[in-house]
């Protein structure tokens, strides 16, 4: 009897079939998970931008606004000394939403949150984000600038 090394064709076919079965199970789960993850990640980015705006208002001792553009799916944070919703100073944060994520609306007037020099929001409200599967997440903001994702 000779000493054969390696795998037989049958063993290789079985291994390839097992990998194909596992891939068939994993890929649909991954594809369904990805849009949900992008939605959550975008909500966390919005929450971070709100906190950055609040802290910048306190640090700079002036008003800071965060404006959401539902048409172009982006937001900008800027110094807004006269609290009118338009930039009076540098735009220190500007970001587009991830692909497949829409800003469906906000409950703030002119889609703008303004923080005063004490870090208090001009109004409480929320920002609603939606992914391409129709799932929504709200980023809620209180008058004291506390944020929560729901």
C-alpha atoms as a PDB file:
ATOM      1  CA  UNK A   1       0.000   0.000   0.000  1.00  0.00           C
ATOM      2  CA  UNK A   2       1.390   3.341  -0.888  1.00  0.00           C
ATOM      3  CA  UNK A   3       1.449   6.306   1.490  1.00  0.00           C
ATOM      4  CA  UNK A   4      -0.832   8.949  -0.112  1.00  0.00           C
ATOM      5  CA  UNK A   5      -0.670  12.540   1.084  1.00  0.00           C
ATOM      6  CA  UNK A   6      -3.319  15.227   0.570  1.00  0.00           C
ATOM      7  CA  UNK A   7      -7.087  15.237   0.233  1.00  0.00           C
ATOM      8  CA  UNK A   8      -9.273  13.133  -1.966  1.00  0.00           C
ATOM      9  CA  UNK A   9     -11.665  14.700  -4.465  1.00  0.00           C
ATOM     10  CA  UNK A  10     -14.623  13.601  -2.333  1.00  0.00           C
ATOM     11  CA  UNK A  11     -13.237  15.346   0.757  1.00  0.00           C
ATOM     12  CA  UNK A  12     -12.701  18.567  -1.201  1.00  0.00           C
ATOM     13  CA  UNK A  13     -16.247  18.450  -2.614  1.00  0.00           C
ATOM     14  CA  UNK A  14     -17.716  17.995   0.873  1.00  0.00           C
ATOM     15  CA  UNK A  15     -15.671  20.928   2.230  1.00  0.00           C
ATOM     16  CA  UNK A  16     -16.761  23.191  -0.636  1.00  0.00           C
ATOM     17  CA  UNK A  17     -20.421  22.170  -0.140  1.00  0.00           C
ATOM     18  CA  UNK A  18     -20.242  23.002   3.600  1.00  0.00           C
ATOM     19  CA  UNK A  19     -18.729  26.409   2.873  1.00  0.00           C
ATOM     20  CA  UNK A  20     -21.455  27.101   0.284  1.00  0.00           C
ATOM     21  CA  UNK A  21     -24.205  26.172   2.763  1.00  0.00           C
ATOM     22  CA  UNK A  22     -22.728  28.404   5.473  1.00  0.00           C
ATOM     23  CA  UNK A  23     -22.392  31.294   3.010  1.00  0.00           C
ATOM     24  CA  UNK A  24     -26.004  30.852   1.882  1.00  0.00           C
ATOM     25  CA  UNK A  25     -27.116  31.216   5.506  1.00  0.00           C
ATOM     26  CA  UNK A  26     -24.789  34.119   6.429  1.00  0.00           C
ATOM     27  CA  UNK A  27     -25.068  36.436   3.410  1.00  0.00           C
ATOM     28  CA  UNK A  28     -28.817  37.248   3.678  1.00  0.00           C
ATOM     29  CA  UNK A  29     -28.424  37.962   7.401  1.00  0.00           C
ATOM     30  CA  UNK A  30     -25.496  40.274   6.696  1.00  0.00           C
ATOM     31  CA  UNK A  31     -27.360  42.097   3.926  1.00  0.00           C
ATOM     32  CA  UNK A  32     -30.343  42.677   6.252  1.00  0.00           C
ATOM     33  CA  UNK A  33     -28.085  43.816   9.096  1.00  0.00           C
ATOM     34  CA  UNK A  34     -26.070  46.377   7.128  1.00  0.00           C
ATOM     35  CA  UNK A  35     -28.780  49.069   6.577  1.00  0.00           C
ATOM     36  CA  UNK A  36     -29.765  48.849  10.234  1.00  0.00           C
ATOM     37  CA  UNK A  37     -26.135  49.349  11.263  1.00  0.00           C
ATOM     38  CA  UNK A  38     -25.765  52.366   8.936  1.00  0.00           C
ATOM     39  CA  UNK A  39     -28.909  53.888  10.481  1.00  0.00           C
ATOM     40  CA  UNK A  40     -27.609  53.439  14.015  1.00  0.00           C
ATOM     41  CA  UNK A  41     -24.180  54.779  13.059  1.00  0.00           C
ATOM     42  CA  UNK A  42     -25.728  57.879  11.456  1.00  0.00           C
ATOM     43  CA  UNK A  43     -27.860  58.510  14.555  1.00  0.00           C
ATOM     44  CA  UNK A  44     -24.729  58.309  16.717  1.00  0.00           C
ATOM     45  CA  UNK A  45     -22.993  60.804  14.373  1.00  0.00           C
ATOM     46  CA  UNK A  46     -25.915  63.239  14.714  1.00  0.00           C
ATOM     47  CA  UNK A  47     -25.859  62.802  18.486  1.00  0.00           C
ATOM     48  CA  UNK A  48     -22.117  63.548  18.528  1.00  0.00           C
ATOM     49  CA  UNK A  49     -22.645  66.675  16.382  1.00  0.00           C
ATOM     50  CA  UNK A  50     -25.283  67.909  18.845  1.00  0.00           C
ATOM     51  CA  UNK A  51     -22.930  67.394  21.778  1.00  0.00           C
ATOM     52  CA  UNK A  52     -20.070  69.081  19.910  1.00  0.00           C
ATOM     53  CA  UNK A  53     -22.312  72.077  19.167  1.00  0.00           C
ATOM     54  CA  UNK A  54     -23.362  72.332  22.795  1.00  0.00           C
ATOM     55  CA  UNK A  55     -19.786  72.157  24.078  1.00  0.00           C
ATOM     56  CA  UNK A  56     -18.554  74.658  21.475  1.00  0.00           C
ATOM     57  CA  UNK A  57     -21.260  77.130  22.534  1.00  0.00           C
ATOM     58  CA  UNK A  58     -20.087  76.866  26.152  1.00  0.00           C
ATOM     59  CA  UNK A  59     -16.374  77.022  25.289  1.00  0.00           C
ATOM     60  CA  UNK A  60     -16.705  79.981  22.891  1.00  0.00           C
ATOM     61  CA  UNK A  61     -19.320  81.739  25.096  1.00  0.00           C
ATOM     62  CA  UNK A  62     -21.598  82.367  22.114  1.00  0.00           C
ATOM     63  CA  UNK A  63     -24.551  80.819  20.303  1.00  0.00           C
ATOM     64  CA  UNK A  64     -23.941  77.811  18.075  1.00  0.00           C
ATOM     65  CA  UNK A  65     -26.431  76.392  15.588  1.00  0.00           C
ATOM     66  CA  UNK A  66     -26.742  72.962  14.015  1.00  0.00           C
ATOM     67  CA  UNK A  67     -28.720  73.110  10.758  1.00  0.00           C
ATOM     68  CA  UNK A  68     -30.163  70.005   9.076  1.00  0.00           C
ATOM     69  CA  UNK A  69     -30.826  70.029   5.335  1.00  0.00           C
ATOM     70  CA  UNK A  70     -33.460  67.402   4.556  1.00  0.00           C
ATOM     71  CA  UNK A  71     -33.101  67.965   0.802  1.00  0.00           C
ATOM     72  CA  UNK A  72     -29.388  67.288   0.472  1.00  0.00           C
ATOM     73  CA  UNK A  73     -29.221  64.940   3.507  1.00  0.00           C
ATOM     74  CA  UNK A  74     -26.485  66.764   5.413  1.00  0.00           C
ATOM     75  CA  UNK A  75     -25.972  68.965   8.433  1.00  0.00           C
ATOM     76  CA  UNK A  76     -23.703  71.837   9.426  1.00  0.00           C
ATOM     77  CA  UNK A  77     -22.643  73.176  12.817  1.00  0.00           C
ATOM     78  CA  UNK A  78     -21.525  76.784  12.978  1.00  0.00           C
ATOM     79  CA  UNK A  79     -20.986  79.809  15.208  1.00  0.00           C
ATOM     80  CA  UNK A  80     -24.231  81.815  15.214  1.00  0.00           C
ATOM     81  CA  UNK A  81     -23.591  84.850  17.425  1.00  0.00           C
ATOM     82  CA  UNK A  82     -26.957  86.482  16.724  1.00  0.00           C
ATOM     83  CA  UNK A  83     -28.891  83.162  16.898  1.00  0.00           C
ATOM     84  CA  UNK A  84     -30.641  83.746  13.573  1.00  0.00           C
ATOM     85  CA  UNK A  85     -29.833  80.332  12.071  1.00  0.00           C
ATOM     86  CA  UNK A  86     -27.207  81.545   9.598  1.00  0.00           C
ATOM     87  CA  UNK A  87     -23.424  81.293  10.019  1.00  0.00           C
ATOM     88  CA  UNK A  88     -21.727  84.271  11.668  1.00  0.00           C
ATOM     89  CA  UNK A  89     -18.435  82.471  12.066  1.00  0.00           C
ATOM     90  CA  UNK A  90     -16.676  79.337  10.972  1.00  0.00           C
ATOM     91  CA  UNK A  91     -18.559  76.185  10.020  1.00  0.00           C
ATOM     92  CA  UNK A  92     -16.776  73.738  12.307  1.00  0.00           C
ATOM     93  CA  UNK A  93     -18.636  70.572  11.349  1.00  0.00           C
ATOM     94  CA  UNK A  94     -20.296  69.609   8.085  1.00  0.00           C
ATOM     95  CA  UNK A  95     -21.282  66.080   7.203  1.00  0.00           C
ATOM     96  CA  UNK A  96     -23.378  64.200   4.668  1.00  0.00           C
ATOM     97  CA  UNK A  97     -25.461  61.269   5.794  1.00  0.00           C
ATOM     98  CA  UNK A  98     -24.353  57.730   4.933  1.00  0.00           C
ATOM     99  CA  UNK A  99     -25.653  56.320   1.630  1.00  0.00           C
ATOM    100  CA  UNK A 100     -29.213  55.046   2.054  1.00  0.00           C
ATOM    101  CA  UNK A 101     -29.875  57.238   5.135  1.00  0.00           C
ATOM    102  CA  UNK A 102     -32.333  60.129   4.876  1.00  0.00           C
ATOM    103  CA  UNK A 103     -33.122  62.954   7.266  1.00  0.00           C
ATOM    104  CA  UNK A 104     -36.902  62.733   7.032  1.00  0.00           C
ATOM    105  CA  UNK A 105     -37.542  65.727   9.245  1.00  0.00           C
ATOM    106  CA  UNK A 106     -36.949  67.616  12.439  1.00  0.00           C
ATOM    107  CA  UNK A 107     -39.314  69.211  14.929  1.00  0.00           C
ATOM    108  CA  UNK A 108     -37.127  72.325  15.200  1.00  0.00           C
ATOM    109  CA  UNK A 109     -38.050  75.574  13.521  1.00  0.00           C
ATOM    110  CA  UNK A 110     -36.155  75.979  10.230  1.00  0.00           C
ATOM    111  CA  UNK A 111     -34.611  72.528  10.906  1.00  0.00           C
ATOM    112  CA  UNK A 112     -32.062  74.255  13.180  1.00  0.00           C
ATOM    113  CA  UNK A 113     -31.066  73.647  16.803  1.00  0.00           C
ATOM    114  CA  UNK A 114     -29.430  76.627  18.495  1.00  0.00           C
ATOM    115  CA  UNK A 115     -27.474  76.377  21.749  1.00  0.00           C
ATOM    116  CA  UNK A 116     -26.825  79.477  23.835  1.00  0.00           C
ATOM    117  CA  UNK A 117     -23.585  80.278  25.657  1.00  0.00           C
ATOM    118  CA  UNK A 118     -24.741  78.214  28.654  1.00  0.00           C
ATOM    119  CA  UNK A 119     -25.277  75.120  26.495  1.00  0.00           C
ATOM    120  CA  UNK A 120     -29.075  75.228  26.616  1.00  0.00           C
ATOM    121  CA  UNK A 121     -31.069  74.416  23.489  1.00  0.00           C
ATOM    122  CA  UNK A 122     -33.482  77.005  22.128  1.00  0.00           C
ATOM    123  CA  UNK A 123     -36.177  74.318  21.897  1.00  0.00           C
ATOM    124  CA  UNK A 124     -36.624  70.641  22.611  1.00  0.00           C
ATOM    125  CA  UNK A 125     -37.319  68.374  19.660  1.00  0.00           C
ATOM    126  CA  UNK A 126     -36.095  65.497  17.550  1.00  0.00           C
ATOM    127  CA  UNK A 127     -34.428  64.561  14.296  1.00  0.00           C
ATOM    128  CA  UNK A 128     -35.844  61.570  12.405  1.00  0.00           C
ATOM    129  CA  UNK A 129     -33.546  59.402  10.290  1.00  0.00           C
ATOM    130  CA  UNK A 130     -34.722  56.647   7.923  1.00  0.00           C
ATOM    131  CA  UNK A 131     -32.829  53.930   6.072  1.00  0.00           C
ATOM    132  CA  UNK A 132     -33.728  52.437   2.693  1.00  0.00           C
ATOM    133  CA  UNK A 133     -35.673  49.612   4.404  1.00  0.00           C
ATOM    134  CA  UNK A 134     -38.060  52.151   5.966  1.00  0.00           C
ATOM    135  CA  UNK A 135     -36.697  51.772   9.506  1.00  0.00           C
ATOM    136  CA  UNK A 136     -36.628  54.979  11.585  1.00  0.00           C
ATOM    137  CA  UNK A 137     -34.552  56.256  14.481  1.00  0.00           C
ATOM    138  CA  UNK A 138     -35.181  59.501  16.365  1.00  0.00           C
ATOM    139  CA  UNK A 139     -32.478  61.568  18.023  1.00  0.00           C
ATOM    140  CA  UNK A 140     -34.293  63.425  20.807  1.00  0.00           C
ATOM    141  CA  UNK A 141     -32.907  66.651  22.276  1.00  0.00           C
ATOM    142  CA  UNK A 142     -34.078  68.179  25.562  1.00  0.00           C
ATOM    143  CA  UNK A 143     -33.913  71.863  26.504  1.00  0.00           C
ATOM    144  CA  UNK A 144     -30.775  71.139  28.509  1.00  0.00           C
ATOM    145  CA  UNK A 145     -29.115  69.593  25.438  1.00  0.00           C
ATOM    146  CA  UNK A 146     -29.322  65.991  26.576  1.00  0.00           C
ATOM    147  CA  UNK A 147     -29.699  63.632  23.622  1.00  0.00           C
ATOM    148  CA  UNK A 148     -31.196  60.173  23.369  1.00  0.00           C
ATOM    149  CA  UNK A 149     -31.563  57.814  20.422  1.00  0.00           C
ATOM    150  CA  UNK A 150     -34.891  56.007  20.153  1.00  0.00           C
END
